[in-house]
N, C-alpha and C. Protein backbone atom coordinates (compact mmCIF):
# COMPACT_ATOMS: atom_id res chain seq x y z
N MET A 1 111.81 73.00 114.21
CA MET A 1 111.56 74.14 114.20
C MET A 1 110.71 73.77 115.39
N SER A 2 111.51 74.74 116.62
CA SER A 2 110.35 75.14 117.96
C SER A 2 109.30 75.90 117.38
N ALA A 3 108.32 75.85 118.77
CA ALA A 3 107.50 76.95 118.70
C ALA A 3 107.19 77.93 118.20
N ILE A 4 108.20 78.53 119.21
CA ILE A 4 108.28 80.18 119.18
C ILE A 4 109.43 80.39 117.76
N GLU A 5 109.72 79.81 117.17
CA GLU A 5 110.02 79.95 116.00
C GLU A 5 108.88 79.82 115.16
N GLU A 6 108.06 79.09 115.07
CA GLU A 6 107.14 79.00 114.41
C GLU A 6 105.98 80.08 114.50
N LYS A 7 105.59 80.44 115.73
CA LYS A 7 105.00 81.67 116.15
C LYS A 7 105.75 83.04 115.38
N ILE A 8 106.75 82.87 115.25
CA ILE A 8 107.46 84.64 114.69
C ILE A 8 107.19 84.41 113.32
N GLU A 9 107.46 83.10 112.68
CA GLU A 9 107.73 82.76 111.14
C GLU A 9 105.96 83.59 110.70
N ALA A 10 105.13 83.14 111.75
CA ALA A 10 103.77 83.78 111.43
C ALA A 10 103.65 84.73 111.22
N THR A 11 104.21 85.86 112.18
CA THR A 11 103.88 87.09 111.94
C THR A 11 104.37 87.58 110.59
N LYS A 12 105.20 87.02 109.62
CA LYS A 12 105.45 87.65 108.18
C LYS A 12 104.36 87.33 107.45
N PHE A 13 104.42 89.01 107.02
CA PHE A 13 103.29 88.84 105.71
C PHE A 13 103.85 89.62 104.87
N ASN A 14 103.12 89.36 103.12
CA ASN A 14 103.41 89.71 102.10
C ASN A 14 102.19 90.90 101.35
N ILE A 15 101.90 91.74 101.44
CA ILE A 15 100.87 92.50 101.28
C ILE A 15 101.45 93.42 99.85
N THR A 16 100.25 93.44 99.03
CA THR A 16 100.43 94.58 97.51
C THR A 16 99.63 95.69 98.43
N THR A 17 99.91 96.45 98.25
CA THR A 17 99.04 97.90 98.43
C THR A 17 98.96 99.47 97.74
N THR A 18 98.57 99.72 97.81
CA THR A 18 98.93 101.54 96.78
C THR A 18 98.89 102.24 97.98
N LYS A 19 99.47 101.77 99.18
CA LYS A 19 100.30 103.42 99.64
C LYS A 19 101.42 103.53 99.43
N SER A 20 101.82 104.71 100.55
CA SER A 20 103.40 105.31 99.34
C SER A 20 104.24 105.00 100.74
N PHE A 21 105.55 105.08 100.13
CA PHE A 21 106.51 104.43 101.44
C PHE A 21 106.36 105.61 102.61
N ASP A 22 105.93 106.51 102.49
CA ASP A 22 105.74 107.54 103.37
C ASP A 22 105.02 106.92 104.68
N ALA A 23 103.43 107.07 103.50
CA ALA A 23 102.32 106.49 104.16
C ALA A 23 102.82 105.32 105.12
N ILE A 24 103.57 104.37 104.72
CA ILE A 24 104.10 103.55 105.52
C ILE A 24 104.25 103.45 106.75
N ARG A 25 105.13 104.44 106.63
CA ARG A 25 106.73 104.75 107.29
C ARG A 25 105.79 105.24 108.99
N LYS A 26 104.45 105.90 108.18
CA LYS A 26 103.94 106.64 109.28
C LYS A 26 102.31 105.82 109.98
N LEU A 27 102.14 104.86 109.30
CA LEU A 27 101.50 103.67 109.66
C LEU A 27 102.72 102.37 110.40
N GLY A 28 103.74 102.51 110.13
CA GLY A 28 104.83 101.80 111.17
C GLY A 28 104.70 102.26 112.83
N GLN A 29 105.01 103.60 112.30
CA GLN A 29 105.13 104.47 113.48
C GLN A 29 103.92 104.42 114.89
N GLU A 30 102.55 104.48 114.01
CA GLU A 30 101.44 104.17 115.17
C GLU A 30 100.93 102.55 115.50
N ALA A 31 101.71 101.65 114.70
CA ALA A 31 101.88 100.13 115.05
C ALA A 31 102.77 99.71 115.77
N ALA A 32 104.03 100.50 115.65
CA ALA A 32 105.12 100.62 117.10
C ALA A 32 104.42 101.35 118.33
N ALA A 33 103.89 102.62 118.14
CA ALA A 33 103.13 102.75 119.79
C ALA A 33 102.19 101.80 119.97
N ALA A 34 101.25 101.13 118.95
CA ALA A 34 100.21 100.54 119.78
C ALA A 34 100.95 99.09 120.24
N ALA A 35 102.14 98.57 119.56
CA ALA A 35 102.35 97.15 120.16
C ALA A 35 103.62 97.49 121.50
N SER A 36 104.11 98.89 121.59
CA SER A 36 104.91 99.00 122.72
C SER A 36 103.90 99.39 124.16
N GLY A 37 104.84 98.44 124.82
CA GLY A 37 103.98 98.47 126.71
C GLY A 37 104.81 99.49 127.74
N SER A 38 104.68 98.24 128.80
CA SER A 38 105.72 99.32 130.25
C SER A 38 107.09 98.70 130.21
N ILE A 39 106.76 97.61 129.62
CA ILE A 39 108.41 96.83 129.48
C ILE A 39 109.31 96.74 128.39
N THR A 40 108.43 96.33 127.40
CA THR A 40 108.75 96.65 126.02
C THR A 40 108.79 97.87 125.13
N LYS A 41 109.41 98.08 123.88
CA LYS A 41 109.37 99.30 123.40
C LYS A 41 109.63 98.83 121.86
N VAL A 42 109.02 99.30 121.41
CA VAL A 42 108.93 98.76 119.59
C VAL A 42 109.63 100.47 118.92
N GLN A 43 110.71 100.28 118.61
CA GLN A 43 111.62 101.65 118.16
C GLN A 43 111.75 101.43 116.90
N GLU A 44 111.39 102.63 116.33
CA GLU A 44 112.26 102.27 114.48
C GLU A 44 113.79 103.00 114.31
N THR A 45 114.37 101.94 113.89
CA THR A 45 116.31 102.45 114.47
C THR A 45 116.79 102.72 112.91
N GLY A 46 115.91 102.57 111.54
CA GLY A 46 116.50 103.22 110.44
C GLY A 46 115.71 102.97 109.14
N ILE A 47 116.36 103.44 108.27
CA ILE A 47 115.79 103.64 107.08
C ILE A 47 116.43 103.67 106.06
N THR A 48 116.15 103.10 105.15
CA THR A 48 116.53 102.88 103.56
C THR A 48 115.53 103.32 102.52
N GLU A 49 116.30 104.87 102.26
CA GLU A 49 114.63 105.28 101.71
C GLU A 49 113.94 104.67 100.57
N ASN A 50 112.73 104.52 100.82
CA ASN A 50 111.67 104.14 99.82
C ASN A 50 111.91 101.93 100.18
N GLU A 51 113.00 101.86 100.65
CA GLU A 51 113.25 100.54 100.47
C GLU A 51 112.69 99.67 102.09
N LEU A 52 113.65 100.13 102.70
CA LEU A 52 113.64 99.14 104.14
C LEU A 52 113.50 100.54 105.51
N ILE A 53 112.59 99.76 106.42
CA ILE A 53 112.04 100.70 107.66
C ILE A 53 112.81 99.52 108.61
N GLN A 54 113.41 100.27 109.27
CA GLN A 54 114.22 98.76 111.03
C GLN A 54 113.75 99.40 111.90
N TYR A 55 113.08 97.94 112.72
CA TYR A 55 113.03 98.49 114.01
C TYR A 55 113.14 97.70 115.13
N ASN A 56 113.39 97.85 116.59
CA ASN A 56 114.02 96.68 117.23
C ASN A 56 112.92 96.60 118.40
N ILE A 57 113.04 95.53 119.22
CA ILE A 57 112.14 95.71 120.21
C ILE A 57 113.56 95.28 121.56
N LYS A 58 112.43 96.35 122.83
CA LYS A 58 113.96 96.72 123.54
C LYS A 58 113.32 96.36 125.13
N ARG A 59 113.85 95.46 125.84
CA ARG A 59 113.20 95.28 127.24
C ARG A 59 113.36 95.93 128.15
N LEU A 60 113.09 96.63 129.13
CA LEU A 60 113.49 97.92 129.73
C LEU A 60 114.46 98.39 129.53
N GLY A 61 113.90 98.68 127.90
CA GLY A 61 114.52 99.92 127.71
C GLY A 61 116.28 100.01 127.64
N MET A 62 116.74 98.86 127.81
CA MET A 62 118.28 98.51 127.25
C MET A 62 118.42 97.41 126.83
N VAL A 63 117.88 96.14 126.75
CA VAL A 63 118.07 95.03 126.10
C VAL A 63 117.63 94.78 124.88
N GLU A 64 117.80 94.75 123.91
CA GLU A 64 117.61 94.09 122.21
C GLU A 64 116.79 92.85 122.56
N VAL A 65 115.44 92.62 122.53
CA VAL A 65 115.30 90.90 122.47
C VAL A 65 114.79 90.84 121.13
N LEU A 66 114.81 91.71 119.85
CA LEU A 66 114.17 91.24 118.33
C LEU A 66 114.11 92.71 117.64
N ASN A 67 114.63 91.88 116.64
CA ASN A 67 114.71 93.37 115.41
C ASN A 67 114.08 93.01 114.57
N PHE A 68 113.20 93.64 113.45
CA PHE A 68 112.55 93.36 112.19
C PHE A 68 112.86 94.15 111.40
N GLY A 69 112.28 93.67 110.07
CA GLY A 69 112.34 94.81 109.23
C GLY A 69 110.94 95.07 108.37
N LEU A 70 110.64 96.15 107.82
CA LEU A 70 109.46 96.60 106.79
C LEU A 70 109.88 96.49 105.39
N VAL A 71 110.09 95.43 104.18
CA VAL A 71 110.55 95.79 102.67
C VAL A 71 109.52 96.35 102.16
N PHE A 72 109.72 97.36 101.21
CA PHE A 72 108.82 98.10 100.89
C PHE A 72 109.39 98.36 99.19
N MET A 73 108.39 97.86 98.56
CA MET A 73 108.65 97.66 96.91
C MET A 73 108.20 98.40 96.14
N ASN A 74 108.24 99.15 95.06
CA ASN A 74 107.34 99.49 93.96
C ASN A 74 107.19 98.29 92.51
N LEU A 75 105.81 98.27 92.55
CA LEU A 75 105.88 97.59 91.97
C LEU A 75 104.74 98.55 90.48
N SER A 76 104.62 97.84 89.27
CA SER A 76 104.02 98.51 88.64
C SER A 76 102.61 99.05 88.75
N ASP A 77 102.13 99.81 87.81
CA ASP A 77 100.77 100.58 87.99
C ASP A 77 100.35 100.80 89.17
N GLY A 78 101.20 101.26 89.65
CA GLY A 78 100.98 102.47 91.03
C GLY A 78 100.92 101.49 92.49
N GLN A 79 100.88 99.86 92.15
CA GLN A 79 101.39 98.95 93.26
C GLN A 79 102.33 98.84 93.93
N ASN A 80 102.37 99.16 95.51
CA ASN A 80 103.16 98.65 96.09
C ASN A 80 103.67 97.31 96.77
N ASN A 81 104.54 96.56 96.96
CA ASN A 81 104.62 95.50 97.81
C ASN A 81 105.20 95.59 99.31
N LEU A 82 104.47 95.39 100.47
CA LEU A 82 105.08 95.17 101.72
C LEU A 82 105.10 93.90 102.41
N LEU A 83 106.52 94.02 103.00
CA LEU A 83 106.90 92.62 103.71
C LEU A 83 107.81 92.83 105.16
N LEU A 84 106.72 92.01 105.92
CA LEU A 84 107.54 92.47 107.18
C LEU A 84 108.28 90.43 107.02
N VAL A 85 109.65 91.31 107.82
CA VAL A 85 110.58 90.19 107.63
C VAL A 85 111.59 90.41 108.96
N PRO A 86 111.43 88.97 110.32
CA PRO A 86 111.46 89.39 110.99
C PRO A 86 112.85 89.20 111.40
N GLY A 87 114.01 89.28 112.09
CA GLY A 87 115.33 89.32 112.43
C GLY A 87 115.79 88.29 113.56
N ASN A 88 116.82 89.18 113.87
CA ASN A 88 117.27 87.71 115.20
C ASN A 88 116.45 88.53 116.28
N TYR A 89 116.23 87.28 117.17
CA TYR A 89 115.51 87.63 118.57
C TYR A 89 116.22 86.35 119.89
N LEU A 90 116.00 86.88 121.04
CA LEU A 90 116.41 86.42 122.14
C LEU A 90 115.32 85.74 122.89
N THR A 91 115.74 84.27 123.01
CA THR A 91 114.91 83.32 123.61
C THR A 91 115.23 83.41 125.26
N SER A 92 114.09 82.77 125.61
CA SER A 92 114.66 82.15 127.15
C SER A 92 113.86 81.05 127.25
N GLN A 93 114.41 80.20 128.34
CA GLN A 93 113.40 79.11 129.05
C GLN A 93 113.86 79.01 130.20
N ALA A 94 112.78 78.50 131.31
CA ALA A 94 113.28 78.16 132.38
C ALA A 94 113.51 76.76 132.72
N THR A 95 114.59 76.97 134.04
CA THR A 95 115.43 76.05 133.96
C THR A 95 115.02 75.73 135.61
N PHE A 96 115.27 74.37 136.06
CA PHE A 96 115.28 73.60 137.31
C PHE A 96 117.19 73.04 137.82
N LEU A 97 117.51 73.22 138.32
CA LEU A 97 118.81 72.75 138.73
C LEU A 97 119.51 72.81 137.15
N PHE A 98 119.53 73.62 136.95
CA PHE A 98 120.67 73.82 135.34
C PHE A 98 119.59 72.62 134.00
N ILE A 99 118.72 72.49 134.63
CA ILE A 99 117.69 71.50 133.46
C ILE A 99 116.51 72.34 132.78
N PRO A 100 116.54 72.32 131.32
CA PRO A 100 115.50 73.26 131.00
C PRO A 100 114.16 71.97 131.49
N ILE A 101 113.63 73.68 131.45
CA ILE A 101 111.95 72.67 131.50
C ILE A 101 110.98 73.73 131.17
N GLY A 102 109.86 73.43 130.42
CA GLY A 102 108.90 74.10 129.66
C GLY A 102 109.42 74.70 128.44
N PRO A 103 108.50 75.02 127.51
CA PRO A 103 109.04 75.59 126.37
C PRO A 103 109.88 76.85 126.14
N LYS A 104 110.33 77.06 125.43
CA LYS A 104 111.18 78.28 124.67
C LYS A 104 110.44 79.48 125.01
N ASP A 105 110.74 80.59 124.93
CA ASP A 105 109.72 81.72 124.82
C ASP A 105 110.71 83.24 124.26
N ALA A 106 110.05 84.16 123.83
CA ALA A 106 110.41 85.16 123.57
C ALA A 106 109.93 86.23 123.44
N ALA A 107 110.83 87.05 124.66
CA ALA A 107 110.03 88.19 124.72
C ALA A 107 109.34 88.88 123.81
N GLY A 108 110.62 89.68 122.79
CA GLY A 108 109.93 90.19 121.45
C GLY A 108 108.18 90.07 121.14
N TYR A 109 108.28 88.63 120.74
CA TYR A 109 106.98 88.18 120.15
C TYR A 109 105.70 88.95 120.51
N PRO A 110 105.62 88.95 121.50
CA PRO A 110 103.63 89.93 121.55
C PRO A 110 103.89 90.94 121.04
N PRO A 111 105.09 91.63 121.16
CA PRO A 111 104.96 92.75 120.35
C PRO A 111 104.93 93.18 119.21
N LEU A 112 106.11 91.95 118.39
CA LEU A 112 105.88 91.81 117.28
C LEU A 112 104.86 91.26 116.41
N LYS A 113 104.23 90.32 117.20
CA LYS A 113 102.63 90.17 116.69
C LYS A 113 101.93 91.22 116.64
N LYS A 114 101.69 92.20 117.85
CA LYS A 114 100.60 93.27 117.87
C LYS A 114 100.88 94.27 116.38
N PHE A 115 102.61 94.17 116.39
CA PHE A 115 102.67 95.31 115.37
C PHE A 115 102.22 94.98 114.21
N SER A 116 102.67 93.63 113.90
CA SER A 116 102.10 93.01 112.59
C SER A 116 100.60 92.75 112.40
N ASP A 117 99.78 92.64 113.54
CA ASP A 117 98.50 92.25 113.24
C ASP A 117 97.93 94.13 112.69
N HIS A 118 98.29 95.05 113.76
CA HIS A 118 98.33 96.48 113.07
C HIS A 118 97.85 96.76 111.89
N ILE A 119 99.56 96.67 110.99
CA ILE A 119 99.76 96.42 109.70
C ILE A 119 98.70 95.76 109.06
N GLN A 120 98.44 94.67 109.12
CA GLN A 120 97.91 93.94 108.45
C GLN A 120 96.28 94.65 108.69
N ALA A 121 95.87 94.57 109.49
CA ALA A 121 94.34 95.20 109.67
C ALA A 121 94.28 96.58 109.18
N ALA A 122 95.29 98.03 109.32
CA ALA A 122 95.38 98.68 108.46
C ALA A 122 95.43 98.57 106.72
N LEU A 123 95.89 97.53 106.61
CA LEU A 123 96.05 97.72 105.00
C LEU A 123 94.90 96.40 104.42
N SER A 124 93.94 95.93 105.66
CA SER A 124 93.13 95.07 104.87
C SER A 124 91.63 95.97 104.38
């Protein structure tokens, strides 16, 4: 596993909370706004009612560089489980005369990390 794959895997979390699906969606919207910057934007792209909220990260408003989802599960006695699951992402690597140099990088990693940290801090 490469270093960038390990970094993206480290953004995953599995948290038990008492917050509802709607509260989690609102929190996700706040986290998306906080994680967006001038070049990359985090956007909610789809909802499966009371189960899944899908997001993508676009660079320059055109190129999707990463997608991920928040999976919401109802547990017993008012508890709910929330998982962040990274999906597909684009990597890049510097080259010199078509020879790769330096480590691989993913443009979607910094916003994903900010999003993940924001949600975890709000739920802890």
